[in-house]
Amino acid sequence: MSVIPGTGAGAEQLTQFIERIERLEEEKRALMADIKDVYAEAKATGFEPKIMRQIVRMRAMDRDLLSEQDALLDTYRDALGLR
């Protein structure tokens, strides 16, 4: 079903979608500020936020992909004498 924006119900529906997106974007900004605060708190207690961000990314990855990347990283480090 195709709705022509700007006409009747289509304009109302479009407005609702836009307003929902705007609310979600505001929530996202608030969450990002909260995350920034947690990293700042962790840094103040001696942890390294850059490393913590890497760990968060790694924990979100598929285990097989993570293992594959770890193996490649080890191979590259060995080849470059970084061990």
N, C-alpha and C. Protein backbone atom coordinates (compact mmCIF):
# COMPACT_ATOMS: atom_id res chain seq x y z
N MET A 1 0.85 -1.18 0.00
CA MET A 1 0.00 0.00 0.00
C MET A 1 0.88 1.23 0.00
N SER A 2 0.71 2.07 -0.95
CA SER A 2 1.50 3.29 -1.06
C SER A 2 0.68 4.47 -0.54
N VAL A 3 1.30 5.26 0.30
CA VAL A 3 0.63 6.43 0.86
C VAL A 3 1.35 7.66 0.34
N ILE A 4 0.57 8.62 -0.09
CA ILE A 4 1.16 9.85 -0.59
C ILE A 4 1.32 10.81 0.58
N PRO A 5 2.58 11.07 1.01
CA PRO A 5 2.80 11.98 2.13
C PRO A 5 2.23 13.36 1.83
N GLY A 6 1.75 13.98 2.88
CA GLY A 6 1.23 15.34 2.74
C GLY A 6 -0.25 15.38 2.46
N THR A 7 -0.90 14.22 2.35
CA THR A 7 -2.33 14.23 2.08
C THR A 7 -3.05 13.41 3.13
N GLY A 8 -3.93 14.03 3.88
CA GLY A 8 -4.79 13.34 4.83
C GLY A 8 -4.09 12.42 5.80
N ALA A 9 -4.54 11.16 5.81
CA ALA A 9 -4.02 10.15 6.73
C ALA A 9 -2.53 9.89 6.50
N GLY A 10 -2.09 10.02 5.27
CA GLY A 10 -0.67 9.81 4.97
C GLY A 10 0.20 10.81 5.69
N ALA A 11 -0.22 12.07 5.73
CA ALA A 11 0.55 13.11 6.44
C ALA A 11 0.55 12.84 7.94
N GLU A 12 -0.59 12.41 8.46
CA GLU A 12 -0.68 12.11 9.89
C GLU A 12 0.22 10.94 10.25
N GLN A 13 0.21 9.90 9.44
CA GLN A 13 1.05 8.73 9.70
C GLN A 13 2.54 9.10 9.60
N LEU A 14 2.88 9.90 8.60
CA LEU A 14 4.25 10.35 8.45
C LEU A 14 4.69 11.15 9.67
N THR A 15 3.83 12.03 10.14
CA THR A 15 4.13 12.82 11.34
C THR A 15 4.37 11.92 12.54
N GLN A 16 3.56 10.88 12.69
CA GLN A 16 3.73 9.95 13.80
C GLN A 16 5.08 9.23 13.72
N PHE A 17 5.43 8.79 12.51
CA PHE A 17 6.73 8.13 12.34
C PHE A 17 7.87 9.08 12.71
N ILE A 18 7.80 10.30 12.21
CA ILE A 18 8.86 11.28 12.48
C ILE A 18 8.96 11.56 13.96
N GLU A 19 7.83 11.74 14.63
CA GLU A 19 7.84 12.02 16.07
C GLU A 19 8.41 10.83 16.86
N ARG A 20 8.09 9.61 16.45
CA ARG A 20 8.66 8.42 17.12
C ARG A 20 10.17 8.39 16.95
N ILE A 21 10.62 8.67 15.73
CA ILE A 21 12.06 8.69 15.47
C ILE A 21 12.73 9.76 16.32
N GLU A 22 12.12 10.93 16.40
CA GLU A 22 12.69 12.01 17.21
C GLU A 22 12.79 11.62 18.68
N ARG A 23 11.76 10.96 19.22
CA ARG A 23 11.81 10.51 20.61
C ARG A 23 12.92 9.48 20.81
N LEU A 24 13.03 8.55 19.87
CA LEU A 24 14.08 7.54 19.97
C LEU A 24 15.48 8.16 19.87
N GLU A 25 15.63 9.14 19.00
CA GLU A 25 16.92 9.83 18.88
C GLU A 25 17.26 10.54 20.20
N GLU A 26 16.29 11.13 20.85
CA GLU A 26 16.52 11.79 22.14
C GLU A 26 16.92 10.76 23.19
N GLU A 27 16.24 9.61 23.20
CA GLU A 27 16.62 8.54 24.13
C GLU A 27 18.03 8.06 23.86
N LYS A 28 18.38 7.97 22.57
CA LYS A 28 19.72 7.53 22.19
C LYS A 28 20.77 8.51 22.70
N ARG A 29 20.49 9.81 22.57
CA ARG A 29 21.43 10.83 23.06
C ARG A 29 21.61 10.70 24.57
N ALA A 30 20.51 10.47 25.28
CA ALA A 30 20.59 10.32 26.74
C ALA A 30 21.40 9.08 27.11
N LEU A 31 21.17 7.97 26.39
CA LEU A 31 21.93 6.75 26.66
C LEU A 31 23.42 6.95 26.36
N MET A 32 23.72 7.63 25.27
CA MET A 32 25.12 7.88 24.92
C MET A 32 25.80 8.72 26.01
N ALA A 33 25.09 9.68 26.55
CA ALA A 33 25.64 10.49 27.64
C ALA A 33 25.88 9.63 28.87
N ASP A 34 24.96 8.73 29.17
CA ASP A 34 25.13 7.82 30.31
C ASP A 34 26.35 6.92 30.11
N ILE A 35 26.52 6.39 28.90
CA ILE A 35 27.66 5.53 28.60
C ILE A 35 28.96 6.32 28.76
N LYS A 36 28.97 7.54 28.27
CA LYS A 36 30.15 8.39 28.40
C LYS A 36 30.49 8.60 29.87
N ASP A 37 29.48 8.80 30.69
CA ASP A 37 29.69 8.97 32.13
C ASP A 37 30.29 7.72 32.77
N VAL A 38 29.83 6.54 32.35
CA VAL A 38 30.37 5.29 32.90
C VAL A 38 31.84 5.15 32.52
N TYR A 39 32.20 5.46 31.28
CA TYR A 39 33.60 5.39 30.87
C TYR A 39 34.44 6.39 31.68
N ALA A 40 33.91 7.59 31.91
CA ALA A 40 34.64 8.59 32.69
C ALA A 40 34.83 8.11 34.13
N GLU A 41 33.81 7.50 34.69
CA GLU A 41 33.90 6.96 36.05
C GLU A 41 34.95 5.84 36.11
N ALA A 42 34.93 4.96 35.11
CA ALA A 42 35.90 3.88 35.07
C ALA A 42 37.32 4.42 34.95
N LYS A 43 37.50 5.46 34.12
CA LYS A 43 38.82 6.07 33.95
C LYS A 43 39.29 6.68 35.27
N ALA A 44 38.37 7.31 35.99
CA ALA A 44 38.72 7.93 37.26
C ALA A 44 39.18 6.90 38.29
N THR A 45 38.77 5.65 38.13
CA THR A 45 39.18 4.60 39.06
C THR A 45 40.36 3.80 38.53
N GLY A 46 40.94 4.24 37.39
CA GLY A 46 42.17 3.63 36.90
C GLY A 46 42.04 2.71 35.70
N PHE A 47 40.84 2.53 35.17
CA PHE A 47 40.67 1.68 33.99
C PHE A 47 40.87 2.50 32.72
N GLU A 48 41.21 1.83 31.64
CA GLU A 48 41.47 2.47 30.35
C GLU A 48 40.25 2.35 29.45
N PRO A 49 39.51 3.46 29.24
CA PRO A 49 38.29 3.42 28.42
C PRO A 49 38.50 2.89 27.00
N LYS A 50 39.63 3.19 26.38
CA LYS A 50 39.88 2.72 25.02
C LYS A 50 39.88 1.19 24.98
N ILE A 51 40.52 0.57 25.95
CA ILE A 51 40.57 -0.89 26.03
C ILE A 51 39.19 -1.44 26.39
N MET A 52 38.49 -0.76 27.27
CA MET A 52 37.15 -1.19 27.65
C MET A 52 36.22 -1.20 26.44
N ARG A 53 36.34 -0.19 25.57
CA ARG A 53 35.51 -0.14 24.36
C ARG A 53 35.80 -1.34 23.46
N GLN A 54 37.09 -1.69 23.36
CA GLN A 54 37.46 -2.86 22.56
C GLN A 54 36.84 -4.13 23.14
N ILE A 55 36.87 -4.26 24.45
CA ILE A 55 36.30 -5.44 25.10
C ILE A 55 34.79 -5.50 24.87
N VAL A 56 34.12 -4.36 24.96
CA VAL A 56 32.67 -4.32 24.72
C VAL A 56 32.36 -4.79 23.30
N ARG A 57 33.14 -4.30 22.32
CA ARG A 57 32.95 -4.74 20.92
C ARG A 57 33.20 -6.23 20.78
N MET A 58 34.25 -6.72 21.43
CA MET A 58 34.59 -8.14 21.33
C MET A 58 33.50 -9.02 21.93
N ARG A 59 32.95 -8.60 23.06
CA ARG A 59 31.91 -9.40 23.73
C ARG A 59 30.64 -9.47 22.90
N ALA A 60 30.44 -8.47 22.03
CA ALA A 60 29.24 -8.45 21.19
C ALA A 60 29.41 -9.29 19.93
N MET A 61 30.64 -9.67 19.63
CA MET A 61 30.92 -10.41 18.40
C MET A 61 30.54 -11.88 18.54
N ASP A 62 30.31 -12.50 17.41
CA ASP A 62 30.12 -13.94 17.33
C ASP A 62 31.42 -14.61 17.79
N ARG A 63 31.31 -15.64 18.61
CA ARG A 63 32.48 -16.31 19.18
C ARG A 63 33.42 -16.86 18.12
N ASP A 64 32.88 -17.44 17.06
CA ASP A 64 33.72 -17.99 15.99
C ASP A 64 34.49 -16.89 15.27
N LEU A 65 33.81 -15.78 14.99
CA LEU A 65 34.46 -14.66 14.33
C LEU A 65 35.55 -14.07 15.23
N LEU A 66 35.26 -13.98 16.52
CA LEU A 66 36.25 -13.48 17.47
C LEU A 66 37.48 -14.38 17.51
N SER A 67 37.27 -15.69 17.54
CA SER A 67 38.40 -16.63 17.54
C SER A 67 39.23 -16.50 16.27
N GLU A 68 38.55 -16.34 15.15
CA GLU A 68 39.25 -16.19 13.87
C GLU A 68 40.09 -14.92 13.87
N GLN A 69 39.53 -13.83 14.34
CA GLN A 69 40.27 -12.57 14.38
C GLN A 69 41.44 -12.64 15.35
N ASP A 70 41.24 -13.29 16.49
CA ASP A 70 42.34 -13.47 17.45
C ASP A 70 43.48 -14.24 16.83
N ALA A 71 43.16 -15.32 16.10
CA ALA A 71 44.19 -16.13 15.46
C ALA A 71 44.95 -15.32 14.41
N LEU A 72 44.23 -14.54 13.62
CA LEU A 72 44.89 -13.70 12.62
C LEU A 72 45.76 -12.64 13.28
N LEU A 73 45.27 -12.04 14.33
CA LEU A 73 46.05 -11.03 15.04
C LEU A 73 47.34 -11.64 15.60
N ASP A 74 47.23 -12.83 16.18
CA ASP A 74 48.42 -13.54 16.68
C ASP A 74 49.41 -13.82 15.55
N THR A 75 48.91 -14.27 14.42
CA THR A 75 49.76 -14.55 13.25
C THR A 75 50.48 -13.29 12.80
N TYR A 76 49.76 -12.19 12.69
CA TYR A 76 50.36 -10.93 12.25
C TYR A 76 51.38 -10.43 13.27
N ARG A 77 51.05 -10.52 14.55
CA ARG A 77 51.98 -10.06 15.59
C ARG A 77 53.26 -10.89 15.55
N ASP A 78 53.11 -12.20 15.39
CA ASP A 78 54.29 -13.06 15.30
C ASP A 78 55.14 -12.69 14.09
N ALA A 79 54.50 -12.47 12.94
CA ALA A 79 55.23 -12.14 11.72
C ALA A 79 55.99 -10.82 11.86
N LEU A 80 55.47 -9.90 12.69
CA LEU A 80 56.10 -8.60 12.85
C LEU A 80 57.00 -8.53 14.09
N GLY A 81 57.12 -9.66 14.79
CA GLY A 81 57.96 -9.70 15.98
C GLY A 81 57.41 -8.87 17.13
N LEU A 82 56.10 -8.81 17.26
CA LEU A 82 55.46 -8.00 18.31
C LEU A 82 55.07 -8.82 19.53
N ARG A 83 55.76 -9.90 19.77
CA ARG A 83 55.45 -10.76 20.95
C ARG A 83 56.50 -10.61 21.98
